[in-house]
């Protein structure tokens, strides 16, 4: 038999949960907070999680020499910035920092009219890969020459083609296939939902 004290404790716990309130049905899920990072953007300025605090932002991982998914990803990201509120930021992290210096990324960014909302970020390869795998939970690795297949994949680098939605507090709120138009539309809707939550 369950004691009265145990029942009272269980009841108190339920009241606490009720006070917190249930999540709304259409709320984007929460996948955990990103760790702090300290990298460099295409202007040579610090690129940090703290610097993005208070902003809703979309991230991806690319590299400028990529002949696979990256050009399509970057083109889709470029279109997305015109489909969401101006306050939303965009961050593209390179997986090829040996080539993608701040200067190289600045020239690449110029293709998109230097949108101040869009950072192209570089830094030590170890830090970038740790952020991708441990922070964003996305694969990132350099592929040995013996394992590269001409005409397949992204050549010397393996990385995700996902877009990642991050809220104002640095918490991941969604993963979206950048090659799927319906997924990208859902990303835009989730941005609006998070924005409305922040305003309420």
N, C-alpha and C. Protein backbone atom coordinates (compact mmCIF):
# COMPACT_ATOMS: atom_id res chain seq x y z
N UNK A 1 0.85 -1.20 0.00
CA UNK A 1 0.00 0.00 0.00
C UNK A 1 0.89 1.25 0.00
N UNK A 2 0.48 2.26 -0.79
CA UNK A 2 1.23 3.50 -0.87
C UNK A 2 0.86 4.39 0.31
N UNK A 3 1.84 4.92 1.01
CA UNK A 3 1.57 5.75 2.18
C UNK A 3 0.98 7.09 1.79
N UNK A 4 0.30 7.75 2.76
CA UNK A 4 -0.27 9.06 2.49
C UNK A 4 0.81 10.09 2.20
N UNK A 5 1.94 9.97 2.90
CA UNK A 5 3.03 10.93 2.68
C UNK A 5 3.57 10.82 1.26
N UNK A 6 3.62 9.58 0.76
CA UNK A 6 4.10 9.38 -0.61
C UNK A 6 3.12 9.98 -1.60
N UNK A 7 1.83 9.79 -1.32
CA UNK A 7 0.80 10.37 -2.19
C UNK A 7 0.87 11.89 -2.19
N UNK A 8 1.10 12.47 -0.98
CA UNK A 8 1.20 13.92 -0.89
C UNK A 8 2.40 14.42 -1.70
N UNK A 9 3.51 13.68 -1.60
CA UNK A 9 4.71 14.07 -2.34
C UNK A 9 4.48 14.01 -3.85
N UNK A 10 3.79 12.93 -4.27
CA UNK A 10 3.50 12.78 -5.69
C UNK A 10 2.57 13.90 -6.16
N UNK A 11 1.59 14.21 -5.31
CA UNK A 11 0.65 15.29 -5.67
C UNK A 11 1.35 16.62 -5.79
N UNK A 12 2.29 16.88 -4.88
CA UNK A 12 3.03 18.13 -4.93
C UNK A 12 3.86 18.22 -6.21
N UNK A 13 4.43 17.08 -6.60
CA UNK A 13 5.23 17.06 -7.82
C UNK A 13 4.36 17.36 -9.04
N UNK A 14 3.16 16.80 -9.05
CA UNK A 14 2.24 17.04 -10.16
C UNK A 14 1.83 18.51 -10.23
N UNK A 15 1.66 19.13 -9.06
CA UNK A 15 1.30 20.55 -9.05
C UNK A 15 2.42 21.40 -9.63
N UNK A 16 3.66 21.03 -9.31
CA UNK A 16 4.80 21.76 -9.84
C UNK A 16 4.83 21.65 -11.36
N UNK A 17 4.60 20.42 -11.86
CA UNK A 17 4.59 20.22 -13.31
C UNK A 17 3.47 20.99 -13.97
N UNK A 18 2.32 21.00 -13.31
CA UNK A 18 1.18 21.73 -13.86
C UNK A 18 1.45 23.22 -13.90
N UNK A 19 2.15 23.71 -12.87
CA UNK A 19 2.47 25.14 -12.82
C UNK A 19 3.40 25.54 -13.96
N UNK A 20 4.27 24.60 -14.36
CA UNK A 20 5.18 24.89 -15.46
C UNK A 20 4.42 25.02 -16.78
N UNK A 21 3.29 24.34 -16.87
CA UNK A 21 2.46 24.43 -18.06
C UNK A 21 2.93 23.49 -19.14
N UNK A 22 1.99 22.89 -19.87
CA UNK A 22 2.37 21.99 -20.95
C UNK A 22 2.90 22.76 -22.15
N UNK A 23 3.78 22.12 -22.90
CA UNK A 23 4.28 22.76 -24.11
C UNK A 23 3.17 22.82 -25.14
N UNK A 24 3.12 23.90 -25.89
CA UNK A 24 2.12 24.01 -26.94
C UNK A 24 2.41 22.98 -28.02
N UNK A 25 1.35 22.51 -28.64
CA UNK A 25 1.46 21.43 -29.61
C UNK A 25 2.42 21.77 -30.74
N UNK A 26 2.40 23.03 -31.19
CA UNK A 26 3.21 23.40 -32.34
C UNK A 26 4.56 24.02 -31.96
N UNK A 27 4.91 23.99 -30.67
CA UNK A 27 6.21 24.51 -30.26
C UNK A 27 7.33 23.65 -30.86
N UNK A 28 8.34 24.25 -31.47
CA UNK A 28 9.49 23.47 -31.93
C UNK A 28 10.15 22.78 -30.73
N UNK A 29 10.61 21.54 -30.91
CA UNK A 29 11.23 20.81 -29.80
C UNK A 29 12.55 21.45 -29.38
N UNK A 30 13.07 20.99 -28.27
CA UNK A 30 14.34 21.50 -27.75
C UNK A 30 15.37 20.37 -27.78
N UNK A 31 16.52 20.64 -28.37
CA UNK A 31 17.55 19.62 -28.53
C UNK A 31 18.80 19.90 -27.71
N UNK A 32 18.72 20.87 -26.81
CA UNK A 32 19.87 21.16 -25.97
C UNK A 32 20.58 22.45 -26.37
N UNK A 33 21.27 23.02 -25.39
CA UNK A 33 21.95 24.30 -25.61
C UNK A 33 23.34 24.08 -26.19
N UNK A 34 23.72 24.94 -27.09
CA UNK A 34 25.05 24.87 -27.68
C UNK A 34 26.11 25.26 -26.65
N UNK A 35 27.31 24.67 -26.77
CA UNK A 35 28.40 25.10 -25.90
C UNK A 35 28.95 26.44 -26.38
N UNK A 36 29.63 27.13 -25.49
CA UNK A 36 30.29 28.37 -25.89
C UNK A 36 31.34 28.07 -26.96
N UNK A 37 31.53 28.99 -27.87
CA UNK A 37 32.59 28.84 -28.87
C UNK A 37 33.19 30.21 -29.15
N UNK A 38 34.44 30.20 -29.59
CA UNK A 38 35.13 31.45 -29.90
C UNK A 38 35.89 31.26 -31.21
N UNK A 39 35.31 31.77 -32.30
CA UNK A 39 35.88 31.61 -33.63
C UNK A 39 36.04 32.98 -34.27
N UNK A 40 36.10 33.04 -35.60
CA UNK A 40 36.34 34.31 -36.29
C UNK A 40 35.45 34.39 -37.53
N UNK A 41 34.83 35.55 -37.75
CA UNK A 41 33.98 35.67 -38.94
C UNK A 41 34.77 36.22 -40.13
N UNK A 42 34.09 36.39 -41.25
CA UNK A 42 34.76 36.79 -42.49
C UNK A 42 35.27 38.22 -42.47
N UNK A 43 34.92 38.99 -41.45
CA UNK A 43 35.48 40.33 -41.28
C UNK A 43 36.71 40.31 -40.37
N UNK A 44 37.02 39.13 -39.83
CA UNK A 44 38.11 39.04 -38.87
C UNK A 44 37.67 39.36 -37.46
N UNK A 45 36.37 39.51 -37.25
CA UNK A 45 35.83 39.81 -35.92
C UNK A 45 35.52 38.52 -35.16
N UNK A 46 35.48 38.58 -33.83
CA UNK A 46 35.13 37.39 -33.05
C UNK A 46 33.72 36.90 -33.41
N UNK A 47 33.60 35.59 -33.51
CA UNK A 47 32.30 34.95 -33.72
C UNK A 47 32.08 34.03 -32.53
N UNK A 48 31.16 34.39 -31.67
CA UNK A 48 30.95 33.66 -30.43
C UNK A 48 29.47 33.39 -30.20
N UNK A 49 29.19 32.42 -29.33
CA UNK A 49 27.80 32.17 -28.96
C UNK A 49 27.25 33.37 -28.20
N UNK A 50 28.08 33.97 -27.36
CA UNK A 50 27.64 35.14 -26.59
C UNK A 50 27.23 36.28 -27.52
N UNK A 51 27.93 36.42 -28.64
CA UNK A 51 27.61 37.48 -29.58
C UNK A 51 26.28 37.27 -30.30
N UNK A 52 25.79 36.03 -30.27
CA UNK A 52 24.51 35.71 -30.91
C UNK A 52 23.36 35.65 -29.91
N UNK A 53 23.68 35.85 -28.64
CA UNK A 53 22.64 35.80 -27.61
C UNK A 53 21.56 36.85 -27.90
N UNK A 54 20.32 36.44 -27.76
CA UNK A 54 19.21 37.34 -28.02
C UNK A 54 18.73 37.33 -29.46
N UNK A 55 19.42 36.53 -30.31
CA UNK A 55 19.03 36.44 -31.72
C UNK A 55 18.54 35.03 -32.05
N UNK A 56 17.57 34.95 -32.92
CA UNK A 56 17.20 33.68 -33.55
C UNK A 56 18.12 33.53 -34.76
N UNK A 57 18.74 32.36 -34.92
CA UNK A 57 19.67 32.20 -36.03
C UNK A 57 19.63 30.81 -36.64
N UNK A 58 20.08 30.74 -37.88
CA UNK A 58 20.13 29.49 -38.63
C UNK A 58 21.58 29.21 -38.98
N UNK A 59 22.01 27.97 -38.73
CA UNK A 59 23.40 27.59 -38.98
C UNK A 59 23.50 26.48 -40.01
N UNK A 60 24.64 26.43 -40.68
CA UNK A 60 24.98 25.27 -41.50
C UNK A 60 26.49 25.15 -41.58
N UNK A 61 26.96 24.04 -42.17
CA UNK A 61 28.39 23.77 -42.32
C UNK A 61 28.68 23.56 -43.80
N UNK A 62 29.64 24.32 -44.32
CA UNK A 62 29.96 24.31 -45.75
C UNK A 62 31.47 24.47 -45.92
N UNK A 63 31.93 24.53 -47.18
CA UNK A 63 33.27 25.03 -47.47
C UNK A 63 33.27 25.57 -48.90
N UNK A 64 34.11 26.56 -49.13
CA UNK A 64 34.00 27.32 -50.38
C UNK A 64 34.46 26.55 -51.61
N UNK A 65 35.32 25.53 -51.44
CA UNK A 65 35.78 24.73 -52.58
C UNK A 65 34.84 23.58 -52.89
N UNK A 66 33.77 23.47 -52.16
CA UNK A 66 32.85 22.34 -52.26
C UNK A 66 32.17 22.30 -53.64
N UNK A 67 32.19 21.11 -54.23
CA UNK A 67 31.49 20.93 -55.50
C UNK A 67 30.28 20.05 -55.36
N UNK A 68 29.94 19.70 -54.10
CA UNK A 68 28.79 18.82 -53.86
C UNK A 68 27.58 19.61 -53.41
N UNK A 69 27.20 19.42 -52.14
CA UNK A 69 25.96 20.01 -51.63
C UNK A 69 26.07 21.50 -51.31
N UNK A 70 27.27 21.98 -51.04
CA UNK A 70 27.42 23.35 -50.51
C UNK A 70 26.84 24.46 -51.38
N UNK A 71 27.10 24.48 -52.69
CA UNK A 71 26.53 25.58 -53.49
C UNK A 71 25.01 25.65 -53.40
N UNK A 72 24.35 24.50 -53.43
CA UNK A 72 22.89 24.48 -53.31
C UNK A 72 22.45 24.92 -51.92
N UNK A 73 23.18 24.48 -50.89
CA UNK A 73 22.86 24.88 -49.52
C UNK A 73 22.96 26.40 -49.36
N UNK A 74 24.05 26.96 -49.87
CA UNK A 74 24.27 28.39 -49.72
C UNK A 74 23.24 29.20 -50.51
N UNK A 75 22.90 28.71 -51.70
CA UNK A 75 21.87 29.39 -52.49
C UNK A 75 20.52 29.35 -51.77
N UNK A 76 20.22 28.21 -51.14
CA UNK A 76 18.94 28.10 -50.42
C UNK A 76 18.95 28.97 -49.18
N UNK A 77 20.07 29.05 -48.49
CA UNK A 77 20.18 29.93 -47.33
C UNK A 77 20.00 31.38 -47.76
N UNK A 78 20.57 31.72 -48.91
CA UNK A 78 20.43 33.08 -49.42
C UNK A 78 18.97 33.43 -49.68
N UNK A 79 18.22 32.50 -50.24
CA UNK A 79 16.79 32.75 -50.48
C UNK A 79 16.02 32.84 -49.17
N UNK A 80 16.40 31.99 -48.21
CA UNK A 80 15.70 31.96 -46.93
C UNK A 80 15.78 33.30 -46.21
N UNK A 81 16.90 33.98 -46.31
CA UNK A 81 17.06 35.26 -45.59
C UNK A 81 16.06 36.30 -46.06
N UNK A 82 15.53 36.13 -47.27
CA UNK A 82 14.51 37.06 -47.78
C UNK A 82 13.09 36.63 -47.41
N UNK A 83 12.98 35.45 -46.79
CA UNK A 83 11.66 34.89 -46.47
C UNK A 83 11.34 34.95 -44.98
N UNK A 84 12.27 35.47 -44.19
CA UNK A 84 12.09 35.53 -42.74
C UNK A 84 12.35 36.97 -42.28
N UNK A 85 11.95 37.31 -41.05
CA UNK A 85 12.16 38.68 -40.56
C UNK A 85 13.63 39.10 -40.56
N UNK A 86 13.86 40.39 -40.71
CA UNK A 86 15.22 40.91 -40.79
C UNK A 86 16.05 40.65 -39.54
N UNK A 87 15.40 40.41 -38.42
CA UNK A 87 16.14 40.20 -37.17
C UNK A 87 16.80 38.83 -37.09
N UNK A 88 16.43 37.91 -37.97
CA UNK A 88 17.00 36.56 -37.95
C UNK A 88 18.41 36.61 -38.54
N UNK A 89 19.35 35.93 -37.86
CA UNK A 89 20.74 35.89 -38.31
C UNK A 89 21.06 34.53 -38.94
N UNK A 90 22.17 34.50 -39.68
CA UNK A 90 22.60 33.28 -40.36
C UNK A 90 24.09 33.11 -40.13
N UNK A 91 24.49 31.86 -39.86
CA UNK A 91 25.90 31.57 -39.60
C UNK A 91 26.30 30.33 -40.37
N UNK A 92 27.26 30.48 -41.28
CA UNK A 92 27.80 29.36 -42.04
C UNK A 92 29.22 29.09 -41.57
N UNK A 93 29.42 27.91 -40.98
CA UNK A 93 30.73 27.51 -40.47
C UNK A 93 31.46 26.71 -41.55
N UNK A 94 32.73 27.01 -41.79
CA UNK A 94 33.49 26.22 -42.74
C UNK A 94 34.01 24.94 -42.10
N UNK A 95 34.14 23.89 -42.91
CA UNK A 95 34.80 22.66 -42.44
C UNK A 95 36.18 22.55 -43.08
N UNK A 96 36.61 23.60 -43.79
CA UNK A 96 37.90 23.63 -44.47
C UNK A 96 38.66 24.91 -44.11
N UNK A 97 38.96 25.08 -42.83
CA UNK A 97 39.58 26.34 -42.40
C UNK A 97 40.98 26.57 -42.95
N UNK A 98 41.68 25.51 -43.34
CA UNK A 98 43.02 25.70 -43.91
C UNK A 98 42.94 26.53 -45.19
N UNK A 99 41.90 26.35 -45.96
CA UNK A 99 41.69 27.15 -47.17
C UNK A 99 40.80 28.35 -46.90
N UNK A 100 39.75 28.13 -46.12
CA UNK A 100 38.75 29.18 -45.90
C UNK A 100 39.15 30.12 -44.78
N UNK A 101 40.12 30.96 -45.08
CA UNK A 101 40.52 32.01 -44.15
C UNK A 101 39.45 33.11 -44.13
N UNK A 102 39.60 34.06 -43.24
CA UNK A 102 38.66 35.17 -43.20
C UNK A 102 38.63 35.91 -44.54
N UNK A 103 39.79 36.05 -45.18
CA UNK A 103 39.86 36.75 -46.46
C UNK A 103 39.11 35.99 -47.55
N UNK A 104 39.29 34.67 -47.59
CA UNK A 104 38.59 33.85 -48.59
C UNK A 104 37.08 33.90 -48.35
N UNK A 105 36.69 33.81 -47.09
CA UNK A 105 35.26 33.86 -46.76
C UNK A 105 34.67 35.23 -47.07
N UNK A 106 35.46 36.30 -46.91
CA UNK A 106 34.97 37.64 -47.23
C UNK A 106 34.65 37.76 -48.72
N UNK A 107 35.52 37.18 -49.56
CA UNK A 107 35.25 37.20 -51.00
C UNK A 107 34.01 36.37 -51.32
N UNK A 108 33.86 35.26 -50.63
CA UNK A 108 32.69 34.39 -50.83
C UNK A 108 31.43 35.12 -50.39
N UNK A 109 31.49 35.80 -49.26
CA UNK A 109 30.33 36.53 -48.73
C UNK A 109 29.91 37.65 -49.67
N UNK A 110 30.88 38.21 -50.40
CA UNK A 110 30.56 39.31 -51.31
C UNK A 110 29.59 38.89 -52.40
N UNK A 111 29.52 37.58 -52.67
CA UNK A 111 28.56 37.07 -53.65
C UNK A 111 27.12 37.28 -53.20
N UNK A 112 26.96 37.53 -51.90
CA UNK A 112 25.62 37.69 -51.33
C UNK A 112 25.43 39.11 -50.81
N UNK A 113 26.13 40.06 -51.46
CA UNK A 113 25.98 41.49 -51.21
C UNK A 113 26.30 41.89 -49.77
N UNK A 114 27.17 41.09 -49.13
CA UNK A 114 27.64 41.46 -47.79
C UNK A 114 26.53 41.65 -46.77
N UNK A 115 25.55 40.78 -46.79
CA UNK A 115 24.44 40.88 -45.84
C UNK A 115 24.98 40.86 -44.41
N UNK A 116 24.77 41.92 -43.62
CA UNK A 116 25.32 41.97 -42.26
C UNK A 116 24.72 40.93 -41.33
N UNK A 117 23.61 40.33 -41.71
CA UNK A 117 23.00 39.30 -40.87
C UNK A 117 23.68 37.95 -41.02
N UNK A 118 24.54 37.81 -42.03
CA UNK A 118 25.09 36.51 -42.39
C UNK A 118 26.59 36.48 -42.12
N UNK A 119 26.99 35.64 -41.18
CA UNK A 119 28.41 35.46 -40.85
C UNK A 119 28.93 34.18 -41.49
N UNK A 120 30.11 34.26 -42.08
CA UNK A 120 30.82 33.07 -42.54
C UNK A 120 32.00 32.91 -41.58
N UNK A 121 32.07 31.75 -40.94
CA UNK A 121 32.93 31.60 -39.77
C UNK A 121 34.03 30.57 -39.99
N UNK A 122 35.23 30.92 -39.56
CA UNK A 122 36.38 30.04 -39.63
C UNK A 122 37.06 29.97 -38.26
N UNK A 123 38.13 29.20 -38.18
CA UNK A 123 38.85 29.04 -36.92
C UNK A 123 39.65 27.76 -36.96
N UNK A 124 40.22 27.33 -35.84
CA UNK A 124 40.96 26.07 -35.81
C UNK A 124 40.05 24.90 -36.20
N UNK A 125 40.58 24.01 -37.03
CA UNK A 125 39.76 22.88 -37.49
C UNK A 125 39.22 22.06 -36.32
N UNK A 126 40.05 21.82 -35.33
CA UNK A 126 39.60 21.03 -34.19
C UNK A 126 38.40 21.67 -33.51
N UNK A 127 38.44 22.98 -33.33
CA UNK A 127 37.33 23.68 -32.67
C UNK A 127 36.06 23.63 -33.52
N UNK A 128 36.20 23.79 -34.83
CA UNK A 128 35.04 23.74 -35.72
C UNK A 128 34.41 22.35 -35.74
N UNK A 129 35.25 21.32 -35.79
CA UNK A 129 34.72 19.96 -35.85
C UNK A 129 34.10 19.55 -34.52
N UNK A 130 34.71 19.98 -33.42
CA UNK A 130 34.13 19.69 -32.11
C UNK A 130 32.78 20.38 -31.96
N UNK A 131 32.68 21.61 -32.43
CA UNK A 131 31.41 22.32 -32.37
C UNK A 131 30.35 21.60 -33.20
N UNK A 132 30.74 21.13 -34.38
CA UNK A 132 29.79 20.42 -35.25
C UNK A 132 29.33 19.12 -34.61
N UNK A 133 30.27 18.30 -34.17
CA UNK A 133 29.91 16.96 -33.68
C UNK A 133 29.35 16.97 -32.27
N UNK A 134 29.97 17.72 -31.37
CA UNK A 134 29.53 17.72 -29.97
C UNK A 134 28.46 18.76 -29.68
N UNK A 135 28.53 19.90 -30.37
CA UNK A 135 27.56 20.96 -30.13
C UNK A 135 26.30 20.81 -30.95
N UNK A 136 26.46 20.76 -32.28
CA UNK A 136 25.31 20.65 -33.17
C UNK A 136 24.87 19.21 -33.40
N UNK A 137 25.69 18.24 -32.97
CA UNK A 137 25.39 16.81 -33.17
C UNK A 137 25.31 16.46 -34.65
N UNK A 138 26.21 17.07 -35.44
CA UNK A 138 26.27 16.83 -36.87
C UNK A 138 27.67 16.33 -37.23
N UNK A 139 27.74 15.37 -38.13
CA UNK A 139 29.02 14.81 -38.54
C UNK A 139 29.87 15.86 -39.25
N UNK A 140 31.17 15.80 -39.00
CA UNK A 140 32.14 16.64 -39.71
C UNK A 140 33.49 15.96 -39.62
N UNK A 141 34.11 15.72 -40.75
CA UNK A 141 35.42 15.08 -40.73
C UNK A 141 36.13 15.31 -42.06
N UNK A 142 37.45 15.20 -42.01
CA UNK A 142 38.25 15.25 -43.22
C UNK A 142 38.40 13.83 -43.75
N UNK A 143 38.14 13.64 -45.02
CA UNK A 143 38.18 12.31 -45.63
C UNK A 143 39.58 12.05 -46.18
N UNK A 144 40.23 10.95 -45.76
CA UNK A 144 41.56 10.63 -46.27
C UNK A 144 41.53 10.47 -47.80
N UNK A 145 42.59 10.86 -48.49
CA UNK A 145 42.62 10.75 -49.96
C UNK A 145 42.28 9.36 -50.47
N UNK A 146 42.69 8.32 -49.75
CA UNK A 146 42.44 6.95 -50.20
C UNK A 146 40.96 6.59 -50.16
N UNK A 147 40.17 7.36 -49.40
CA UNK A 147 38.74 7.06 -49.28
C UNK A 147 37.87 8.00 -50.11
N UNK A 148 38.50 8.95 -50.78
CA UNK A 148 37.73 9.88 -51.60
C UNK A 148 37.39 9.24 -52.94
N UNK A 149 36.16 9.48 -53.40
CA UNK A 149 35.70 8.94 -54.67
C UNK A 149 35.39 10.10 -55.61
N UNK A 150 36.14 10.23 -56.69
CA UNK A 150 35.91 11.33 -57.63
C UNK A 150 34.45 11.38 -58.10
N UNK A 151 33.89 12.58 -58.06
CA UNK A 151 32.52 12.75 -58.53
C UNK A 151 31.46 12.41 -57.52
N UNK A 152 31.87 11.98 -56.32
CA UNK A 152 30.90 11.62 -55.29
C UNK A 152 31.13 12.47 -54.04
N UNK A 153 30.04 12.86 -53.41
CA UNK A 153 30.11 13.57 -52.14
C UNK A 153 30.78 14.93 -52.27
N UNK A 154 31.38 15.37 -51.18
CA UNK A 154 31.99 16.69 -51.11
C UNK A 154 33.51 16.62 -51.12
N UNK A 155 34.06 15.57 -51.75
CA UNK A 155 35.51 15.47 -51.87
C UNK A 155 36.20 15.23 -50.55
N UNK A 156 37.12 16.12 -50.16
CA UNK A 156 37.94 15.84 -48.98
C UNK A 156 37.26 16.05 -47.64
N UNK A 157 36.01 16.49 -47.63
CA UNK A 157 35.35 16.77 -46.35
C UNK A 157 33.95 16.15 -46.30
N UNK A 158 33.64 15.61 -45.13
CA UNK A 158 32.31 15.08 -44.88
C UNK A 158 31.62 16.02 -43.90
N UNK A 159 30.43 16.48 -44.27
CA UNK A 159 29.68 17.38 -43.38
C UNK A 159 28.20 17.22 -43.66
N UNK A 160 27.39 17.71 -42.75
CA UNK A 160 25.94 17.60 -42.88
C UNK A 160 25.38 18.64 -43.85
N UNK A 161 24.26 18.30 -44.48
CA UNK A 161 23.55 19.26 -45.33
C UNK A 161 22.33 19.82 -44.62
N UNK A 162 22.28 19.68 -43.31
CA UNK A 162 21.16 20.19 -42.52
C UNK A 162 21.30 21.69 -42.24
N UNK A 163 20.17 22.37 -42.18
CA UNK A 163 20.09 23.68 -41.56
C UNK A 163 19.67 23.46 -40.11
N UNK A 164 20.21 24.26 -39.21
CA UNK A 164 19.91 24.12 -37.78
C UNK A 164 19.34 25.44 -37.26
N UNK A 165 18.21 25.34 -36.59
CA UNK A 165 17.57 26.52 -36.00
C UNK A 165 17.97 26.65 -34.54
N UNK A 166 18.44 27.83 -34.17
CA UNK A 166 18.88 28.11 -32.80
C UNK A 166 18.09 29.30 -32.27
N UNK A 167 17.60 29.18 -31.03
CA UNK A 167 16.77 30.25 -30.48
C UNK A 167 17.61 31.33 -29.79
N UNK A 168 16.93 32.30 -29.20
CA UNK A 168 17.61 33.45 -28.60
C UNK A 168 18.52 33.07 -27.43
N UNK A 169 18.24 31.93 -26.81
CA UNK A 169 19.05 31.49 -25.68
C UNK A 169 20.16 30.53 -26.05
N UNK A 170 20.36 30.30 -27.35
CA UNK A 170 21.43 29.40 -27.78
C UNK A 170 21.04 27.94 -27.75
N UNK A 171 19.73 27.67 -27.75
CA UNK A 171 19.26 26.28 -27.72
C UNK A 171 18.82 25.85 -29.12
N UNK A 172 19.22 24.65 -29.51
CA UNK A 172 18.83 24.10 -30.81
C UNK A 172 17.35 23.75 -30.79
N UNK A 173 16.62 24.23 -31.81
CA UNK A 173 15.18 24.00 -31.85
C UNK A 173 14.73 23.20 -33.07
N UNK A 174 15.65 22.85 -33.95
CA UNK A 174 15.23 22.05 -35.09
C UNK A 174 16.34 21.79 -36.09
N UNK A 175 16.20 20.66 -36.81
CA UNK A 175 17.10 20.28 -37.89
C UNK A 175 16.26 20.12 -39.16
N UNK A 176 16.76 20.64 -40.28
CA UNK A 176 15.97 20.68 -41.50
C UNK A 176 16.84 20.32 -42.71
N UNK A 177 16.34 19.43 -43.54
CA UNK A 177 17.06 19.02 -44.74
C UNK A 177 17.07 20.19 -45.73
N UNK A 178 18.23 20.72 -46.00
CA UNK A 178 18.33 21.89 -46.88
C UNK A 178 17.95 21.58 -48.32
N UNK A 179 17.91 20.30 -48.68
CA UNK A 179 17.57 19.92 -50.05
C UNK A 179 16.07 19.69 -50.24
N UNK A 180 15.32 19.76 -49.16
CA UNK A 180 13.88 19.49 -49.20
C UNK A 180 13.11 20.79 -49.01
N UNK A 181 12.39 21.21 -50.04
CA UNK A 181 11.69 22.49 -50.00
C UNK A 181 10.67 22.54 -48.87
N UNK A 182 9.97 21.43 -48.61
CA UNK A 182 8.99 21.40 -47.53
C UNK A 182 9.66 21.57 -46.17
N UNK A 183 10.84 20.99 -46.02
CA UNK A 183 11.58 21.13 -44.76
C UNK A 183 12.00 22.59 -44.53
N UNK A 184 12.42 23.24 -45.59
CA UNK A 184 12.85 24.63 -45.46
C UNK A 184 11.65 25.53 -45.16
N UNK A 185 10.50 25.21 -45.73
CA UNK A 185 9.28 25.95 -45.41
C UNK A 185 8.92 25.77 -43.93
N UNK A 186 9.11 24.55 -43.43
CA UNK A 186 8.85 24.29 -42.01
C UNK A 186 9.81 25.09 -41.14
N UNK A 187 11.05 25.20 -41.57
CA UNK A 187 12.03 26.02 -40.85
C UNK A 187 11.53 27.46 -40.73
N UNK A 188 11.04 28.02 -41.82
CA UNK A 188 10.53 29.39 -41.78
C UNK A 188 9.35 29.52 -40.83
N UNK A 189 8.48 28.51 -40.80
CA UNK A 189 7.34 28.52 -39.88
C UNK A 189 7.81 28.43 -38.43
N UNK A 190 8.80 27.58 -38.18
CA UNK A 190 9.31 27.43 -36.81
C UNK A 190 10.01 28.71 -36.34
N UNK A 191 10.66 29.41 -37.25
CA UNK A 191 11.24 30.71 -36.90
C UNK A 191 10.15 31.65 -36.43
N UNK A 192 9.03 31.68 -37.15
CA UNK A 192 7.92 32.55 -36.78
C UNK A 192 7.34 32.17 -35.42
N UNK A 193 7.25 30.87 -35.16
CA UNK A 193 6.70 30.41 -33.88
C UNK A 193 7.60 30.83 -32.72
N UNK A 194 8.90 30.65 -32.88
CA UNK A 194 9.83 31.03 -31.82
C UNK A 194 9.82 32.55 -31.63
N UNK A 195 9.75 33.27 -32.71
CA UNK A 195 9.70 34.73 -32.63
C UNK A 195 8.46 35.18 -31.89
N UNK A 196 7.34 34.55 -32.16
CA UNK A 196 6.09 34.91 -31.47
C UNK A 196 6.15 34.57 -29.99
N UNK A 197 6.80 33.44 -29.66
CA UNK A 197 6.96 33.06 -28.24
C UNK A 197 7.77 34.12 -27.52
N UNK A 198 8.84 34.59 -28.17
CA UNK A 198 9.72 35.57 -27.54
C UNK A 198 8.99 36.89 -27.32
N UNK A 199 8.04 37.20 -28.21
CA UNK A 199 7.33 38.47 -28.11
C UNK A 199 6.21 38.43 -27.09
N UNK A 200 5.75 37.21 -26.75
CA UNK A 200 4.60 37.10 -25.83
C UNK A 200 5.03 37.20 -24.37
